[in-house]
Amino acid sequence: MNNPNVIIATDRQTLIEVFNEILFNKQGEKALPEFEKDKISKLQAAKLAGITIPTLNKLTKKGKFRQYNLGRRKYFLRSEMIEALRNH
């Protein structure tokens, strides 16, 4: 099957229940994918590493930490920061 589209026949209420189950955890809070939970800001990354933001910028340019861009926003992954700190 080369067609990426899938058609599922169901009633409206069942569809709503399935979407709610996917989007919300048991406490009714929005469930975030692991990737979203792992994202941290530049300030949070600097605090995690125990350094200033200018030092974080220098180390990022040197390749010690990996920075991601989402539009104009910059972020780091907590798991990658911890791994980089352990290795250096």
Protein backbone atom coordinates (compact mmCIF):
# COMPACT_ATOMS: atom_id res chain seq x y z
CA MET A 1 0.00 0.00 0.00
CA ASN A 2 1.58 3.24 -1.10
CA ASN A 3 -1.34 5.41 0.01
CA PRO A 4 -0.49 7.09 3.36
CA ASN A 5 -4.13 8.09 3.95
CA VAL A 6 -6.23 5.79 6.08
CA ILE A 7 -10.00 5.96 6.24
CA ILE A 8 -11.70 4.71 9.39
CA ALA A 9 -15.46 4.42 9.57
CA THR A 10 -16.76 5.24 13.06
CA ASP A 11 -19.35 7.34 14.81
CA ARG A 12 -18.62 10.82 16.10
CA GLN A 13 -18.67 9.93 19.81
CA THR A 14 -16.17 7.08 19.41
CA LEU A 15 -13.86 9.34 17.44
CA ILE A 16 -14.04 12.03 20.16
CA GLU A 17 -13.28 9.44 22.86
CA VAL A 18 -10.27 8.11 20.96
CA PHE A 19 -8.86 11.61 20.41
CA ASN A 20 -9.40 12.50 24.07
CA GLU A 21 -7.66 9.31 25.15
CA ILE A 22 -4.69 10.14 22.93
CA LEU A 23 -4.45 13.82 23.89
CA PHE A 24 -5.18 13.69 27.60
CA ASN A 25 -3.75 11.57 30.35
CA LYS A 26 -5.73 10.22 33.31
CA GLN A 27 -5.50 13.49 35.28
CA GLY A 28 -7.08 15.41 32.42
CA GLU A 29 -3.85 17.26 31.68
CA LYS A 30 -2.62 17.45 28.15
CA ALA A 31 -0.21 14.59 27.53
CA LEU A 32 2.97 15.80 25.90
CA PRO A 33 5.14 13.63 23.70
CA GLU A 34 8.48 12.70 25.29
CA PHE A 35 10.21 15.16 22.96
CA GLU A 36 8.13 18.05 24.30
CA LYS A 37 8.85 17.07 27.89
CA ASP A 38 12.58 16.99 27.14
CA LYS A 39 12.78 20.48 25.59
CA ILE A 40 14.34 23.18 27.77
CA SER A 41 15.04 26.85 27.16
CA LYS A 42 18.48 28.37 26.82
CA LEU A 43 18.22 29.75 30.37
CA GLN A 44 17.22 26.35 31.75
CA ALA A 45 20.08 24.70 29.86
CA ALA A 46 22.58 27.20 31.28
CA LYS A 47 21.28 26.61 34.81
CA LEU A 48 21.43 22.84 34.31
CA ALA A 49 25.06 23.09 33.23
CA GLY A 50 25.91 25.64 35.94
CA ILE A 51 27.15 28.20 33.43
CA THR A 52 26.10 31.58 32.06
CA ILE A 53 24.22 32.02 28.79
CA PRO A 54 27.26 33.56 27.01
CA THR A 55 29.33 30.53 28.06
CA LEU A 56 26.55 28.23 26.86
CA ASN A 57 26.58 30.04 23.51
CA LYS A 58 30.36 29.56 23.19
CA LEU A 59 30.19 25.88 24.09
CA THR A 60 27.31 25.38 21.66
CA LYS A 61 29.35 26.95 18.86
CA LYS A 62 32.25 24.64 19.76
CA GLY A 63 29.89 21.68 19.46
CA LYS A 64 29.72 20.59 23.11
CA PHE A 65 25.95 21.13 23.24
CA ARG A 66 23.41 20.80 20.44
CA GLN A 67 20.94 23.62 20.00
CA TYR A 68 17.67 23.29 18.10
CA ASN A 69 15.75 26.07 16.42
CA LEU A 70 12.00 26.40 16.11
CA GLY A 71 11.42 29.60 14.22
CA ARG A 72 13.18 32.27 16.26
CA ARG A 73 13.13 30.19 19.43
CA LYS A 74 16.15 28.22 20.53
CA TYR A 75 15.98 25.18 22.76
CA PHE A 76 18.01 22.26 24.02
CA LEU A 77 17.08 18.71 24.99
CA ARG A 78 17.57 17.96 28.69
CA SER A 79 18.65 14.38 27.98
CA GLU A 80 21.33 15.55 25.50
CA MET A 81 22.57 18.20 27.93
CA ILE A 82 22.93 15.64 30.73
CA GLU A 83 24.71 13.22 28.41
CA ALA A 84 27.11 15.93 27.18
CA LEU A 85 27.86 16.97 30.76
CA ARG A 86 28.60 13.36 31.74
CA ASN A 87 30.93 12.85 28.80
CA HIS A 88 33.01 16.00 29.31
